[in-house]
Protein backbone atom coordinates (compact mmCIF):
# COMPACT_ATOMS: atom_id res chain seq x y z
CA MET A 1 20.48 71.20 -100.92
CA ALA A 2 22.09 69.57 -97.90
CA PRO A 3 20.71 70.60 -94.47
CA TRP A 4 24.12 71.76 -93.25
CA ALA A 5 24.24 74.26 -96.12
CA LEU A 6 21.73 76.34 -94.12
CA LEU A 7 24.46 76.82 -91.50
CA SER A 8 26.95 78.30 -93.95
CA PRO A 9 28.48 81.69 -92.99
CA GLY A 10 26.64 83.48 -95.80
CA VAL A 11 23.20 82.21 -94.74
CA LEU A 12 23.87 82.97 -91.07
CA VAL A 13 25.13 86.50 -91.76
CA ARG A 14 22.21 87.40 -94.04
CA THR A 15 19.70 85.90 -91.62
CA GLY A 16 21.26 87.83 -88.74
CA HIS A 17 21.12 91.08 -90.73
CA THR A 18 17.45 90.50 -91.60
CA VAL A 19 16.46 89.64 -88.03
CA LEU A 20 18.36 92.64 -86.63
CA THR A 21 16.78 95.00 -89.17
CA TRP A 22 13.20 93.98 -88.42
CA GLY A 23 13.93 93.69 -84.69
CA ILE A 24 15.07 97.32 -84.52
CA THR A 25 12.08 98.39 -86.62
CA LEU A 26 9.73 96.56 -84.27
CA VAL A 27 11.27 98.25 -81.22
CA LEU A 28 10.75 101.67 -82.81
CA PHE A 29 7.09 100.89 -83.48
CA LEU A 30 6.31 99.38 -80.06
CA HIS A 31 7.77 102.22 -77.97
CA ASP A 32 6.37 105.71 -77.62
CA THR A 33 8.29 107.22 -80.52
CA ALA A 34 7.20 109.60 -83.25
CA LEU A 35 6.00 106.56 -85.23
CA ARG A 36 3.31 105.81 -82.65
CA GLN A 37 2.34 109.47 -82.44
CA TRP A 38 1.86 109.58 -86.20
CA GLU A 39 -0.29 106.46 -86.05
CA GLU A 40 -2.46 107.91 -83.29
CA GLU A 41 -2.92 111.13 -85.27
CA GLY A 42 -3.86 109.17 -88.39
CA GLU A 43 -0.80 110.24 -90.36
CA LEU A 44 0.15 106.94 -91.93
CA LEU A 45 2.22 108.25 -94.82
CA LEU A 46 5.42 108.77 -92.81
CA PRO A 47 5.34 105.36 -91.04
CA LEU A 48 4.62 103.67 -94.36
CA THR A 49 7.48 105.56 -96.02
CA PHE A 50 9.82 104.46 -93.24
CA LEU A 51 8.77 100.84 -93.66
CA LEU A 52 9.29 101.00 -97.42
CA LEU A 53 12.77 102.47 -96.93
CA VAL A 54 13.65 99.70 -94.48
CA LEU A 55 12.37 97.09 -96.93
CA GLY A 56 14.27 98.73 -99.80
CA SER A 57 17.53 98.78 -97.87
CA LEU A 58 17.07 95.12 -96.96
CA LEU A 59 16.38 94.12 -100.57
CA LEU A 60 19.44 96.06 -101.74
CA TYR A 61 21.54 94.33 -99.10
CA LEU A 62 20.38 90.90 -100.26
CA ALA A 63 20.92 91.83 -103.91
CA VAL A 64 24.50 92.98 -103.32
CA SER A 65 25.36 90.04 -101.09
CA LEU A 66 23.95 87.41 -103.47
CA MET A 67 24.90 88.74 -106.91
CA ASP A 68 28.02 87.90 -108.89
CA PRO A 69 30.59 90.61 -108.05
CA GLY A 70 32.37 90.05 -111.37
CA TYR A 71 34.09 86.70 -111.14
CA VAL A 72 36.64 85.91 -113.82
CA ASN A 73 35.32 82.87 -115.68
CA ILE A 74 37.40 79.72 -115.48
CA GLN A 75 38.07 78.67 -119.07
CA PRO A 76 40.34 76.24 -120.87
CA GLN A 77 43.65 77.74 -121.91
CA GLU A 78 42.79 77.76 -125.64
CA GLU A 79 39.47 79.57 -125.13
CA ALA A 80 41.09 82.06 -122.77
CA LYS A 81 43.74 82.89 -125.36
CA GLU A 82 41.06 83.42 -128.01
CA GLU A 83 39.08 85.71 -125.70
CA GLN A 84 42.22 87.63 -124.85
CA THR A 85 42.96 88.20 -128.54
CA ALA A 86 39.38 89.30 -129.29
CA MET A 87 38.68 91.49 -126.26
CA VAL A 88 41.94 93.34 -125.59
CA PRO A 89 44.86 94.67 -127.64
CA GLN A 90 47.46 92.02 -128.27
CA ALA A 91 50.13 94.15 -126.66
CA ILE A 92 48.44 93.78 -123.27
CA ALA A 93 49.56 90.62 -121.52
CA LEU A 94 47.01 89.17 -119.15
CA ARG A 95 48.56 87.55 -116.10
CA ARG A 96 47.70 84.10 -114.87
CA CYS A 97 46.50 83.84 -111.28
CA ARG A 98 48.78 81.61 -109.21
CA HIS A 99 45.82 80.39 -107.12
CA CYS A 100 43.10 79.42 -109.61
CA MET A 101 45.25 79.58 -112.80
CA VAL A 102 42.83 81.79 -114.79
CA LEU A 103 43.97 84.64 -117.01
CA GLN A 104 43.63 87.65 -114.75
CA PRO A 105 42.69 90.97 -116.39
CA LEU A 106 44.00 94.30 -115.20
CA ARG A 107 42.69 95.39 -111.75
CA ALA A 108 41.47 91.88 -110.93
CA ARG A 109 42.52 90.08 -107.75
CA HIS A 110 42.11 86.65 -106.24
CA CYS A 111 39.89 86.63 -103.13
CA SER A 112 41.04 84.06 -100.58
CA GLU A 113 37.56 83.91 -98.96
CA CYS A 114 35.63 83.36 -102.21
CA ARG A 115 38.50 81.43 -103.82
CA ARG A 116 37.78 83.19 -107.11
CA CYS A 117 39.33 86.02 -109.09
CA VAL A 118 37.16 89.17 -109.11
CA ARG A 119 37.24 91.88 -111.76
CA ARG A 120 38.01 95.37 -110.42
CA TYR A 121 38.29 93.88 -106.94
CA ASP A 122 37.50 96.34 -104.14
CA HIS A 123 37.27 94.26 -100.94
CA HIS A 124 35.60 91.25 -99.36
CA CYS A 125 32.74 92.39 -97.12
CA PRO A 126 32.29 90.08 -94.08
CA TRP A 127 28.89 91.62 -93.30
CA MET A 128 27.67 90.39 -96.69
CA GLU A 129 29.89 87.33 -97.12
CA ASN A 130 30.57 88.43 -100.67
CA CYS A 131 33.15 90.38 -102.61
CA VAL A 132 32.58 93.90 -103.86
CA GLY A 133 33.75 94.06 -107.45
CA GLU A 134 33.02 95.36 -110.92
CA ARG A 135 29.37 94.30 -111.10
CA ASN A 136 27.99 94.97 -107.62
CA HIS A 137 30.12 97.95 -106.54
CA PRO A 138 27.64 100.59 -107.85
CA LEU A 139 24.79 98.79 -106.10
CA PHE A 140 26.91 98.60 -102.95
CA VAL A 141 27.32 102.39 -102.92
CA ALA A 142 23.57 102.84 -103.48
CA TYR A 143 22.90 100.44 -100.59
CA LEU A 144 25.20 102.41 -98.27
CA ALA A 145 23.42 105.67 -99.17
CA LEU A 146 19.95 104.24 -98.57
CA GLN A 147 21.06 102.44 -95.41
CA LEU A 148 22.49 105.67 -93.99
CA VAL A 149 19.18 107.46 -94.62
CA VAL A 150 17.27 104.68 -92.83
CA LEU A 151 19.73 104.62 -89.92
CA LEU A 152 19.64 108.39 -89.39
CA TRP A 153 15.84 108.42 -89.52
CA GLY A 154 15.71 105.50 -87.09
CA LEU A 155 18.16 107.32 -84.81
CA HIS A 156 15.87 110.35 -84.78
CA LEU A 157 12.84 108.16 -84.06
CA ALA A 158 14.59 106.39 -81.18
CA TRP A 159 15.64 109.72 -79.66
CA SER A 160 12.06 111.02 -79.92
CA GLY A 161 10.88 108.18 -77.68
CA LEU A 162 13.48 108.57 -74.92
CA ARG A 163 12.22 110.19 -71.69
CA PHE A 164 14.77 110.42 -68.88
CA PHE A 165 13.41 110.28 -65.33
CA GLN A 166 14.21 108.91 -61.91
CA PRO A 167 14.45 106.41 -60.35
CA TRP A 168 16.89 105.04 -62.90
CA GLY A 169 15.87 101.44 -62.26
CA LEU A 170 12.30 102.14 -63.36
CA TRP A 171 13.55 104.11 -66.37
CA LEU A 172 15.88 101.28 -67.35
CA ARG A 173 13.03 98.75 -67.27
CA SER A 174 10.73 100.95 -69.35
CA SER A 175 13.20 102.49 -71.80
CA GLY A 176 16.34 100.34 -71.59
CA LEU A 177 15.63 98.46 -74.81
CA LEU A 178 14.91 101.68 -76.70
CA PHE A 179 18.09 103.27 -75.33
CA ALA A 180 20.13 100.23 -76.42
CA THR A 181 18.53 100.52 -79.87
CA PHE A 182 19.49 104.20 -79.97
CA LEU A 183 23.14 103.37 -79.17
CA LEU A 184 23.16 100.61 -81.78
CA LEU A 185 21.71 102.92 -84.43
CA ALA A 186 24.27 105.61 -83.55
CA LEU A 187 27.11 103.10 -84.01
CA PHE A 188 25.73 101.77 -87.29
CA SER A 189 25.14 105.30 -88.58
CA LEU A 190 28.75 106.24 -87.87
CA VAL A 191 30.08 103.14 -89.63
CA ALA A 192 27.76 103.55 -92.63
CA GLY A 193 28.63 107.24 -92.92
CA LEU A 194 32.37 106.58 -92.90
CA LEU A 195 32.00 103.75 -95.42
CA LEU A 196 29.87 105.87 -97.75
CA ALA A 197 32.27 108.83 -97.57
CA SER A 198 35.29 106.62 -98.29
CA HIS A 199 33.64 104.88 -101.24
CA VAL A 200 32.41 108.15 -102.73
CA TYR A 201 36.01 109.40 -102.60
CA LEU A 202 37.28 106.18 -104.19
CA VAL A 203 34.65 106.31 -106.94
CA ALA A 204 35.38 109.98 -107.65
CA SER A 205 39.08 109.17 -108.13
CA ASN A 206 38.44 105.86 -109.98
CA THR A 207 40.33 103.66 -107.58
CA THR A 208 39.44 100.75 -105.32
CA THR A 209 39.98 100.02 -101.64
CA TRP A 210 42.55 97.38 -102.51
CA GLU A 211 44.46 99.74 -104.85
CA PHE A 212 44.30 102.60 -102.33
CA LEU A 213 45.63 100.56 -99.41
CA SER A 214 48.10 98.35 -101.30
CA SER A 215 49.38 100.57 -104.10
CA HIS A 216 52.98 99.94 -102.97
CA ARG A 217 52.51 96.21 -103.59
CA ILE A 218 50.63 96.37 -106.92
CA ALA A 219 52.87 96.09 -109.97
CA TYR A 220 50.95 98.54 -112.17
CA LEU A 221 50.78 101.24 -109.44
CA ARG A 222 53.97 101.16 -107.38
CA GLN A 223 56.17 102.71 -110.09
CA ARG A 224 53.74 105.52 -110.91
CA PRO A 225 53.50 108.79 -108.93
CA GLY A 226 49.74 109.21 -109.34
CA ASN A 227 46.60 107.27 -110.10
CA PRO A 228 46.76 106.20 -113.79
CA PHE A 229 43.01 105.47 -113.88
CA ASP A 230 41.80 108.94 -112.84
CA ARG A 231 40.19 110.70 -115.81
CA GLY A 232 38.37 113.47 -113.96
CA LEU A 233 35.28 113.47 -111.77
CA ALA A 234 32.65 113.40 -114.54
CA ARG A 235 34.30 110.60 -116.52
CA ASN A 236 35.00 108.58 -113.41
CA LEU A 237 31.38 108.76 -112.27
CA ALA A 238 30.07 108.00 -115.77
CA HIS A 239 32.34 104.97 -116.02
CA PHE A 240 31.41 103.70 -112.55
CA PHE A 241 27.63 104.09 -112.68
CA CYS A 242 26.94 103.87 -116.43
CA GLY A 243 29.81 101.71 -117.67
CA TRP A 244 31.05 104.35 -120.10
CA PRO A 245 34.70 104.06 -121.20
CA SER A 246 36.97 105.80 -118.73
CA GLY A 247 39.82 106.45 -121.10
CA PRO A 248 42.90 104.65 -122.39
CA TRP A 249 43.88 103.17 -119.03
CA GLU A 250 43.21 99.71 -120.44
CA THR A 251 46.42 100.11 -122.49
CA LEU A 252 48.48 100.72 -119.37
CA ARG A 253 50.45 97.52 -119.70
CA ALA A 254 50.93 98.09 -123.42
CA GLU A 255 52.42 101.52 -122.68
CA GLU A 256 54.74 99.99 -120.10
CA GLU A 257 55.93 97.39 -122.59
CA GLU A 258 56.50 100.05 -125.26
CA GLU A 259 58.55 102.12 -122.79
CA GLU A 260 60.64 99.09 -121.92
CA GLU A 261 61.21 98.33 -125.63
CA GLU A 262 62.25 101.95 -126.32
CA GLU A 263 64.65 101.89 -123.39
CA ALA A 264 66.12 98.63 -124.66
CA VAL A 265 66.57 100.07 -128.18
CA GLU A 266 68.21 103.22 -126.85
CA GLY A 267 70.49 101.16 -124.64
CA GLY A 268 71.48 98.99 -127.62
CA GLY A 269 72.17 102.06 -129.76
CA GLN A 270 74.40 103.62 -127.12
CA ALA A 271 76.30 100.36 -126.76
CA VAL A 272 77.01 100.35 -130.50
């Protein structure tokens, strides 16, 4: 591996996230927070649990940011046609991406940052330098949930160590770093909470961020009044987390083609 590869955006972002995570954890342990009180009282279970949650959230972050989000494999045209015939009904026409020229299945999109087509594309996350797609989206939601728990617990711990007194200059020197950590945790908690709420809503309705924000520009959504992929809460959750079939939405394009053929036949009959 070339030395300059260590300065790639992905490596820098993941390193920054790791350093920030352990830096905040260290601040919480060094100041007079509930963590130190538990240590002094000999109650090590809660501090150990907090550390394990921090480590778990960090491992989940690295897993989501490094795993394949569901890239569409680049194949020769003949192999792609064979796979299309074997995997999907022949009535469904896969579209060829105009950027990377691969056969693009339904709900896939080309990511300009990754320069690859991603199955069930949701969005490109700059904090992870990776796309969120078919394979890593469930793990991404689990990461957000665990991260929110860690952030809220850290926010409580930071608040437990804050003692306001005068003069303010002395207080700022003794508790300024902890107060800055508290504000940072509050901001991250708000962002993580909003992200988790939005993705839970999207998962419950079986849609993606890209489809929700750009439905007016997506060919298979703009001419339909509702979400054609929504099959109810239970089926949507089972399909998202367990990979169970979500219903006949895969034949969406086939249905559209049949409707067009019927309209053409009716139009021809009227003309006669």
